[in-house]
Amino acid sequence: MIDPQKTAANLAHIREQIASAALRSGRPAGAVTLVAVTKSVGVGEIAALLAAGCRDIGESRPQDLWQKHAALTPADPPVRWHLVGHLQRNKVRRTLPMVEWIHSADSARLLNEIESESEKLNLAPKVLLEVNVSGDATKHGFRPDEVLPLLPTLAGLVRVQVRGLMTMASLEGGPSAARRDFAALRELRDLAAPLCPPNVSLHELSMGMSGDFEIAIEEGATMVRIGSALFA
């Protein structure tokens, strides 16, 4: 049973936590975007989030994003869709017209595919480079030492708007390991940003999920991807 009031209360509570963590990092609450990840729920829960004022909705699987995008009615408030999970090159063309952000560009081949399809579709998607900071073999993403050598390649992108970096914390090690991983992504961004070509910005740091988003904000996150905490 969907409880819109419970969803709204959860959203308000998380926004309060975001604001407090942002203040601890010396930033206003508005410096952090909450992306509500809805991979485990249906369209009804998305409608409840929209009614409560959350417009940034994230999905992990392209197929789920396609289905939920199609299921929302024109009467629903507009959504800023974020693809936060792995994107295969054969799913780029269908996904691009639906999304504003892709958080998971994890290879030069995928970036080139997004660029090519964006040219055909006359689109300019905002993209984040996924970085496997923890070195976990089960995760996708560039190795940290691959980011700086990638910058000259990014200079050739016309349609794709590279706007930052994304990571997930280590599966093991708890809060201290998460803080280390988030700090490492911020430090990599700070190292790479002055070297970026003019068409690339690394302002955005997408890091932190339900269990560690406050730590991520303290370490500089500008986007947090929160799912289960919204629907508890």
C-alpha atoms as a PDB file:
ATOM      1  CA  MET A   1       0.000   0.000   0.000  1.00  0.00           C
ATOM      2  CA  ILE A   2       1.430   3.354  -1.047  1.00  0.00           C
ATOM      3  CA  ASP A   3       1.315   5.970   1.708  1.00  0.00           C
ATOM      4  CA  PRO A   4       1.951   9.400   0.145  1.00  0.00           C
ATOM      5  CA  GLN A   5       2.127  11.046   3.570  1.00  0.00           C
ATOM      6  CA  LYS A   6       4.814   8.597   4.717  1.00  0.00           C
ATOM      7  CA  THR A   7       6.784   9.171   1.524  1.00  0.00           C
ATOM      8  CA  ALA A   8       6.531  12.951   1.974  1.00  0.00           C
ATOM      9  CA  ALA A   9       7.648  12.666   5.610  1.00  0.00           C
ATOM     10  CA  ASN A  10      10.626  10.482   4.665  1.00  0.00           C
ATOM     11  CA  LEU A  11      11.586  12.948   1.946  1.00  0.00           C
ATOM     12  CA  ALA A  12      11.374  15.891   4.346  1.00  0.00           C
ATOM     13  CA  HIS A  13      13.507  14.073   6.928  1.00  0.00           C
ATOM     14  CA  ILE A  14      16.192  13.223   4.396  1.00  0.00           C
ATOM     15  CA  ARG A  15      16.220  16.798   3.160  1.00  0.00           C
ATOM     16  CA  GLU A  16      16.805  17.934   6.744  1.00  0.00           C
ATOM     17  CA  GLN A  17      19.737  15.516   7.011  1.00  0.00           C
ATOM     18  CA  ILE A  18      21.123  16.780   3.697  1.00  0.00           C
ATOM     19  CA  ALA A  19      20.855  20.376   4.869  1.00  0.00           C
ATOM     20  CA  SER A  20      22.646  19.627   8.141  1.00  0.00           C
ATOM     21  CA  ALA A  21      25.454  17.737   6.405  1.00  0.00           C
ATOM     22  CA  ALA A  22      25.835  20.526   3.844  1.00  0.00           C
ATOM     23  CA  LEU A  23      26.146  23.092   6.622  1.00  0.00           C
ATOM     24  CA  ARG A  24      28.834  20.948   8.265  1.00  0.00           C
ATOM     25  CA  SER A  25      30.739  21.066   4.973  1.00  0.00           C
ATOM     26  CA  GLY A  26      30.375  24.849   4.764  1.00  0.00           C
ATOM     27  CA  ARG A  27      27.758  24.854   2.008  1.00  0.00           C
ATOM     28  CA  PRO A  28      24.054  25.697   1.748  1.00  0.00           C
ATOM     29  CA  ALA A  29      21.505  22.901   1.510  1.00  0.00           C
ATOM     30  CA  GLY A  30      20.802  23.906  -2.087  1.00  0.00           C
ATOM     31  CA  ALA A  31      24.328  22.882  -3.065  1.00  0.00           C
ATOM     32  CA  VAL A  32      23.296  19.207  -2.887  1.00  0.00           C
ATOM     33  CA  THR A  33      20.789  17.552  -5.250  1.00  0.00           C
ATOM     34  CA  LEU A  34      18.765  14.631  -3.940  1.00  0.00           C
ATOM     35  CA  VAL A  35      18.270  11.992  -6.633  1.00  0.00           C
ATOM     36  CA  ALA A  36      15.526   9.599  -5.532  1.00  0.00           C
ATOM     37  CA  VAL A  37      16.444   6.122  -6.765  1.00  0.00           C
ATOM     38  CA  THR A  38      13.291   4.153  -7.478  1.00  0.00           C
ATOM     39  CA  LYS A  39      14.666   0.816  -8.703  1.00  0.00           C
ATOM     40  CA  SER A  40      12.806  -1.123  -5.979  1.00  0.00           C
ATOM     41  CA  VAL A  41       9.427   0.602  -6.254  1.00  0.00           C
ATOM     42  CA  GLY A  42       6.738   1.331  -8.805  1.00  0.00           C
ATOM     43  CA  VAL A  43       5.131   4.275 -10.537  1.00  0.00           C
ATOM     44  CA  GLY A  44       2.837   4.944  -7.578  1.00  0.00           C
ATOM     45  CA  GLU A  45       5.794   5.676  -5.334  1.00  0.00           C
ATOM     46  CA  ILE A  46       7.294   7.929  -8.005  1.00  0.00           C
ATOM     47  CA  ALA A  47       4.008   9.845  -8.205  1.00  0.00           C
ATOM     48  CA  ALA A  48       4.108  10.285  -4.413  1.00  0.00           C
ATOM     49  CA  LEU A  49       7.638  11.680  -4.630  1.00  0.00           C
ATOM     50  CA  LEU A  50       6.615  14.070  -7.390  1.00  0.00           C
ATOM     51  CA  ALA A  51       3.634  15.238  -5.362  1.00  0.00           C
ATOM     52  CA  ALA A  52       5.996  15.915  -2.441  1.00  0.00           C
ATOM     53  CA  GLY A  53       8.196  18.084  -4.638  1.00  0.00           C
ATOM     54  CA  CYS A  54      11.007  15.723  -5.642  1.00  0.00           C
ATOM     55  CA  ARG A  55      11.705  16.028  -9.374  1.00  0.00           C
ATOM     56  CA  ASP A  56      15.051  14.218  -9.701  1.00  0.00           C
ATOM     57  CA  ILE A  57      14.352  10.506 -10.168  1.00  0.00           C
ATOM     58  CA  GLY A  58      17.050   7.898 -10.721  1.00  0.00           C
ATOM     59  CA  GLU A  59      16.898   4.404 -12.147  1.00  0.00           C
ATOM     60  CA  SER A  60      19.638   1.769 -12.244  1.00  0.00           C
ATOM     61  CA  ARG A  61      18.435  -0.311 -15.205  1.00  0.00           C
ATOM     62  CA  PRO A  62      17.620   1.292 -18.557  1.00  0.00           C
ATOM     63  CA  GLN A  63      14.713  -1.102 -19.107  1.00  0.00           C
ATOM     64  CA  ASP A  64      13.076  -0.031 -15.836  1.00  0.00           C
ATOM     65  CA  LEU A  65      13.574   3.615 -16.721  1.00  0.00           C
ATOM     66  CA  TRP A  66      11.899   3.077 -20.100  1.00  0.00           C
ATOM     67  CA  GLN A  67       8.883   1.400 -18.483  1.00  0.00           C
ATOM     68  CA  LYS A  68       8.417   3.968 -15.726  1.00  0.00           C
ATOM     69  CA  HIS A  69       8.968   6.879 -18.088  1.00  0.00           C
ATOM     70  CA  ALA A  70       6.193   5.520 -20.320  1.00  0.00           C
ATOM     71  CA  ALA A  71       3.858   4.839 -17.393  1.00  0.00           C
ATOM     72  CA  LEU A  72       3.802   8.387 -16.045  1.00  0.00           C
ATOM     73  CA  THR A  73       0.916  10.447 -17.372  1.00  0.00           C
ATOM     74  CA  PRO A  74       1.077  13.952 -18.864  1.00  0.00           C
ATOM     75  CA  ALA A  75      -0.712  15.147 -15.726  1.00  0.00           C
ATOM     76  CA  ASP A  76       2.247  14.175 -13.543  1.00  0.00           C
ATOM     77  CA  PRO A  77       4.802  16.878 -12.734  1.00  0.00           C
ATOM     78  CA  PRO A  78       7.818  16.818 -15.062  1.00  0.00           C
ATOM     79  CA  VAL A  79      10.684  14.532 -14.071  1.00  0.00           C
ATOM     80  CA  ARG A  80      14.422  15.034 -14.400  1.00  0.00           C
ATOM     81  CA  TRP A  81      15.443  11.446 -15.063  1.00  0.00           C
ATOM     82  CA  HIS A  82      18.889  10.214 -14.018  1.00  0.00           C
ATOM     83  CA  LEU A  83      20.343   6.898 -15.158  1.00  0.00           C
ATOM     84  CA  VAL A  84      22.543   5.910 -12.227  1.00  0.00           C
ATOM     85  CA  GLY A  85      23.394   2.317 -13.180  1.00  0.00           C
ATOM     86  CA  HIS A  86      25.387   0.602 -15.888  1.00  0.00           C
ATOM     87  CA  LEU A  87      24.517   1.557 -19.465  1.00  0.00           C
ATOM     88  CA  GLN A  88      25.312  -0.832 -22.297  1.00  0.00           C
ATOM     89  CA  ARG A  89      26.090   0.722 -25.654  1.00  0.00           C
ATOM     90  CA  ASN A  90      23.179  -1.055 -27.356  1.00  0.00           C
ATOM     91  CA  LYS A  91      20.753   0.717 -24.996  1.00  0.00           C
ATOM     92  CA  VAL A  92      22.083   4.247 -25.519  1.00  0.00           C
ATOM     93  CA  ARG A  93      19.812   5.272 -28.395  1.00  0.00           C
ATOM     94  CA  ARG A  94      16.580   4.358 -26.632  1.00  0.00           C
ATOM     95  CA  THR A  95      17.669   5.809 -23.294  1.00  0.00           C
ATOM     96  CA  LEU A  96      19.010   9.196 -24.385  1.00  0.00           C
ATOM     97  CA  PRO A  97      15.706  10.941 -25.205  1.00  0.00           C
ATOM     98  CA  MET A  98      14.381  10.157 -21.727  1.00  0.00           C
ATOM     99  CA  VAL A  99      17.246  11.223 -19.468  1.00  0.00           C
ATOM    100  CA  GLU A 100      18.780  14.504 -18.414  1.00  0.00           C
ATOM    101  CA  TRP A 101      21.718  12.937 -16.569  1.00  0.00           C
ATOM    102  CA  ILE A 102      23.805   9.802 -17.050  1.00  0.00           C
ATOM    103  CA  HIS A 103      25.866   9.119 -13.931  1.00  0.00           C
ATOM    104  CA  SER A 104      27.617   6.011 -15.192  1.00  0.00           C
ATOM    105  CA  ALA A 105      29.872   6.736 -18.179  1.00  0.00           C
ATOM    106  CA  ASP A 106      32.467   4.065 -17.481  1.00  0.00           C
ATOM    107  CA  SER A 107      34.492   3.753 -20.698  1.00  0.00           C
ATOM    108  CA  ALA A 108      35.711   5.780 -23.657  1.00  0.00           C
ATOM    109  CA  ARG A 109      33.716   3.492 -25.966  1.00  0.00           C
ATOM    110  CA  LEU A 110      30.496   4.316 -24.119  1.00  0.00           C
ATOM    111  CA  LEU A 111      31.263   8.041 -24.223  1.00  0.00           C
ATOM    112  CA  ASN A 112      31.817   7.823 -27.973  1.00  0.00           C
ATOM    113  CA  GLU A 113      28.538   5.941 -28.417  1.00  0.00           C
ATOM    114  CA  ILE A 114      26.646   8.564 -26.404  1.00  0.00           C
ATOM    115  CA  GLU A 115      28.292  11.288 -28.485  1.00  0.00           C
ATOM    116  CA  SER A 116      27.378   9.600 -31.778  1.00  0.00           C
ATOM    117  CA  GLU A 117      23.748   8.934 -30.837  1.00  0.00           C
ATOM    118  CA  SER A 118      23.357  12.410 -29.332  1.00  0.00           C
ATOM    119  CA  GLU A 119      24.432  13.921 -32.634  1.00  0.00           C
ATOM    120  CA  LYS A 120      21.836  11.855 -34.498  1.00  0.00           C
ATOM    121  CA  LEU A 121      19.102  12.760 -32.011  1.00  0.00           C
ATOM    122  CA  ASN A 122      20.135  16.417 -31.593  1.00  0.00           C
ATOM    123  CA  LEU A 123      20.576  15.986 -27.839  1.00  0.00           C
ATOM    124  CA  ALA A 124      23.133  17.244 -25.323  1.00  0.00           C
ATOM    125  CA  PRO A 125      23.056  14.921 -22.296  1.00  0.00           C
ATOM    126  CA  LYS A 126      24.812  15.759 -19.053  1.00  0.00           C
ATOM    127  CA  VAL A 127      27.219  12.971 -18.161  1.00  0.00           C
ATOM    128  CA  LEU A 128      29.311  11.986 -15.158  1.00  0.00           C
ATOM    129  CA  LEU A 129      32.408   9.795 -15.343  1.00  0.00           C
ATOM    130  CA  GLU A 130      32.063   6.750 -13.117  1.00  0.00           C
ATOM    131  CA  VAL A 131      35.268   6.098 -11.178  1.00  0.00           C
ATOM    132  CA  ASN A 132      35.935   2.838  -9.340  1.00  0.00           C
ATOM    133  CA  VAL A 133      37.759   4.463  -6.429  1.00  0.00           C
ATOM    134  CA  SER A 134      37.520   1.418  -4.149  1.00  0.00           C
ATOM    135  CA  GLY A 135      39.002  -0.951  -6.718  1.00  0.00           C
ATOM    136  CA  ASP A 136      36.166  -3.419  -6.122  1.00  0.00           C
ATOM    137  CA  ALA A 137      36.253  -5.979  -8.941  1.00  0.00           C
ATOM    138  CA  THR A 138      32.434  -6.128  -9.047  1.00  0.00           C
ATOM    139  CA  LYS A 139      32.083  -2.412  -9.826  1.00  0.00           C
ATOM    140  CA  HIS A 140      32.190  -0.642 -13.164  1.00  0.00           C
ATOM    141  CA  GLY A 141      34.127   2.546 -13.785  1.00  0.00           C
ATOM    142  CA  PHE A 142      37.425   4.070 -14.764  1.00  0.00           C
ATOM    143  CA  ARG A 143      40.378   3.443 -12.510  1.00  0.00           C
ATOM    144  CA  PRO A 144      41.447   6.678 -10.809  1.00  0.00           C
ATOM    145  CA  ASP A 145      44.716   6.658 -12.760  1.00  0.00           C
ATOM    146  CA  GLU A 146      42.772   6.576 -16.049  1.00  0.00           C
ATOM    147  CA  VAL A 147      40.960   9.877 -15.517  1.00  0.00           C
ATOM    148  CA  LEU A 148      43.764  12.346 -16.270  1.00  0.00           C
ATOM    149  CA  PRO A 149      44.847  10.536 -19.477  1.00  0.00           C
ATOM    150  CA  LEU A 150      41.185  10.594 -20.576  1.00  0.00           C
ATOM    151  CA  LEU A 151      40.967  14.399 -20.573  1.00  0.00           C
ATOM    152  CA  PRO A 152      42.358  14.950 -24.116  1.00  0.00           C
ATOM    153  CA  THR A 153      39.736  12.520 -25.447  1.00  0.00           C
ATOM    154  CA  LEU A 154      36.974  14.467 -23.712  1.00  0.00           C
ATOM    155  CA  ALA A 155      38.092  17.587 -25.562  1.00  0.00           C
ATOM    156  CA  GLY A 156      36.683  16.075 -28.761  1.00  0.00           C
ATOM    157  CA  LEU A 157      33.153  15.688 -27.407  1.00  0.00           C
ATOM    158  CA  VAL A 158      30.669  18.172 -28.847  1.00  0.00           C
ATOM    159  CA  ARG A 159      27.278  16.872 -27.708  1.00  0.00           C
ATOM    160  CA  VAL A 160      28.178  15.127 -24.474  1.00  0.00           C
ATOM    161  CA  GLN A 161      28.438  17.526 -21.546  1.00  0.00           C
ATOM    162  CA  VAL A 162      30.848  16.003 -19.029  1.00  0.00           C
ATOM    163  CA  ARG A 163      29.925  17.652 -15.746  1.00  0.00           C
ATOM    164  CA  GLY A 164      31.601  15.652 -12.994  1.00  0.00           C
ATOM    165  CA  LEU A 165      32.483  12.315 -11.405  1.00  0.00           C
ATOM    166  CA  MET A 166      30.538   9.519  -9.749  1.00  0.00           C
ATOM    167  CA  THR A 167      31.528   6.707  -7.415  1.00  0.00           C
ATOM    168  CA  MET A 168      30.172   4.137  -4.988  1.00  0.00           C
ATOM    169  CA  ALA A 169      31.848   3.450  -1.659  1.00  0.00           C
ATOM    170  CA  SER A 170      33.542   0.160  -0.903  1.00  0.00           C
ATOM    171  CA  LEU A 171      31.232  -2.707   0.007  1.00  0.00           C
ATOM    172  CA  GLU A 172      33.347  -3.395   3.084  1.00  0.00           C
ATOM    173  CA  GLY A 173      34.980  -1.260   5.739  1.00  0.00           C
ATOM    174  CA  GLY A 174      32.003   0.714   7.005  1.00  0.00           C
ATOM    175  CA  PRO A 175      31.853   4.498   7.409  1.00  0.00           C
ATOM    176  CA  SER A 176      35.621   4.990   7.587  1.00  0.00           C
ATOM    177  CA  ALA A 177      36.150   3.237   4.250  1.00  0.00           C
ATOM    178  CA  ALA A 178      33.268   5.200   2.717  1.00  0.00           C
ATOM    179  CA  ARG A 179      34.774   8.481   3.885  1.00  0.00           C
ATOM    180  CA  ARG A 180      38.132   7.485   2.450  1.00  0.00           C
ATOM    181  CA  ASP A 181      36.580   6.646  -0.924  1.00  0.00           C
ATOM    182  CA  PHE A 182      34.546   9.852  -1.085  1.00  0.00           C
ATOM    183  CA  ALA A 183      37.553  11.959  -0.114  1.00  0.00           C
ATOM    184  CA  ALA A 184      39.581  10.215  -2.809  1.00  0.00           C
ATOM    185  CA  LEU A 185      37.037  11.133  -5.484  1.00  0.00           C
ATOM    186  CA  ARG A 186      37.010  14.757  -4.352  1.00  0.00           C
ATOM    187  CA  GLU A 187      40.804  14.867  -4.374  1.00  0.00           C
ATOM    188  CA  LEU A 188      40.862  13.356  -7.872  1.00  0.00           C
ATOM    189  CA  ARG A 189      38.362  15.989  -9.026  1.00  0.00           C
ATOM    190  CA  ASP A 190      40.452  18.766  -7.499  1.00  0.00           C
ATOM    191  CA  LEU A 191      43.535  17.439  -9.286  1.00  0.00           C
ATOM    192  CA  ALA A 192      41.830  17.013 -12.669  1.00  0.00           C
ATOM    193  CA  ALA A 193      39.600  20.102 -12.777  1.00  0.00           C
ATOM    194  CA  PRO A 194      42.339  22.654 -13.631  1.00  0.00           C
ATOM    195  CA  LEU A 195      43.520  20.397 -16.456  1.00  0.00           C
ATOM    196  CA  CYS A 196      40.128  19.954 -18.127  1.00  0.00           C
ATOM    197  CA  PRO A 197      39.510  21.159 -21.683  1.00  0.00           C
ATOM    198  CA  PRO A 198      37.072  24.104 -21.972  1.00  0.00           C
ATOM    199  CA  ASN A 199      34.092  21.899 -22.787  1.00  0.00           C
ATOM    200  CA  VAL A 200      34.454  19.825 -19.600  1.00  0.00           C
ATOM    201  CA  SER A 201      33.494  20.700 -16.028  1.00  0.00           C
ATOM    202  CA  LEU A 202      34.017  18.453 -13.037  1.00  0.00           C
ATOM    203  CA  HIS A 203      31.871  20.470 -10.654  1.00  0.00           C
ATOM    204  CA  GLU A 204      29.460  17.656  -9.826  1.00  0.00           C
ATOM    205  CA  LEU A 205      30.358  14.816  -7.459  1.00  0.00           C
ATOM    206  CA  SER A 206      27.675  12.104  -7.385  1.00  0.00           C
ATOM    207  CA  MET A 207      28.425   9.974  -4.333  1.00  0.00           C
ATOM    208  CA  GLY A 208      26.579   8.691  -1.316  1.00  0.00           C
ATOM    209  CA  MET A 209      23.516   6.468  -0.945  1.00  0.00           C
ATOM    210  CA  SER A 210      21.013   5.762   1.836  1.00  0.00           C
ATOM    211  CA  GLY A 211      23.571   4.445   4.301  1.00  0.00           C
ATOM    212  CA  ASP A 212      26.374   6.944   3.767  1.00  0.00           C
ATOM    213  CA  PHE A 213      25.047  10.089   2.100  1.00  0.00           C
ATOM    214  CA  GLU A 214      25.812  12.364   5.049  1.00  0.00           C
ATOM    215  CA  ILE A 215      29.467  11.308   4.977  1.00  0.00           C
ATOM    216  CA  ALA A 216      29.506  11.874   1.209  1.00  0.00           C
ATOM    217  CA  ILE A 217      28.145  15.402   1.620  1.00  0.00           C
ATOM    218  CA  GLU A 218      30.723  16.166   4.289  1.00  0.00           C
ATOM    219  CA  GLU A 219      33.368  15.112   1.746  1.00  0.00           C
ATOM    220  CA  GLY A 220      31.965  17.295  -1.024  1.00  0.00           C
ATOM    221  CA  ALA A 221      29.101  15.454  -2.742  1.00  0.00           C
ATOM    222  CA  THR A 222      26.852  17.659  -4.874  1.00  0.00           C
ATOM    223  CA  MET A 223      24.476  14.792  -5.736  1.00  0.00           C
ATOM    224  CA  VAL A 224      23.352  11.946  -3.492  1.00  0.00           C
ATOM    225  CA  ARG A 225      21.487   8.888  -4.764  1.00  0.00           C
ATOM    226  CA  ILE A 226      18.969   7.749  -2.144  1.00  0.00           C
ATOM    227  CA  GLY A 227      16.575   4.851  -2.507  1.00  0.00           C
ATOM    228  CA  SER A 228      15.667   2.633   0.452  1.00  0.00           C
ATOM    229  CA  ALA A 229      15.625   5.434   3.048  1.00  0.00           C
ATOM    230  CA  LEU A 230      12.805   7.101   1.138  1.00  0.00           C
ATOM    231  CA  PHE A 231      10.564   4.068   1.286  1.00  0.00           C
ATOM    232  CA  ALA A 232      11.280   2.668   4.761  1.00  0.00           C
END
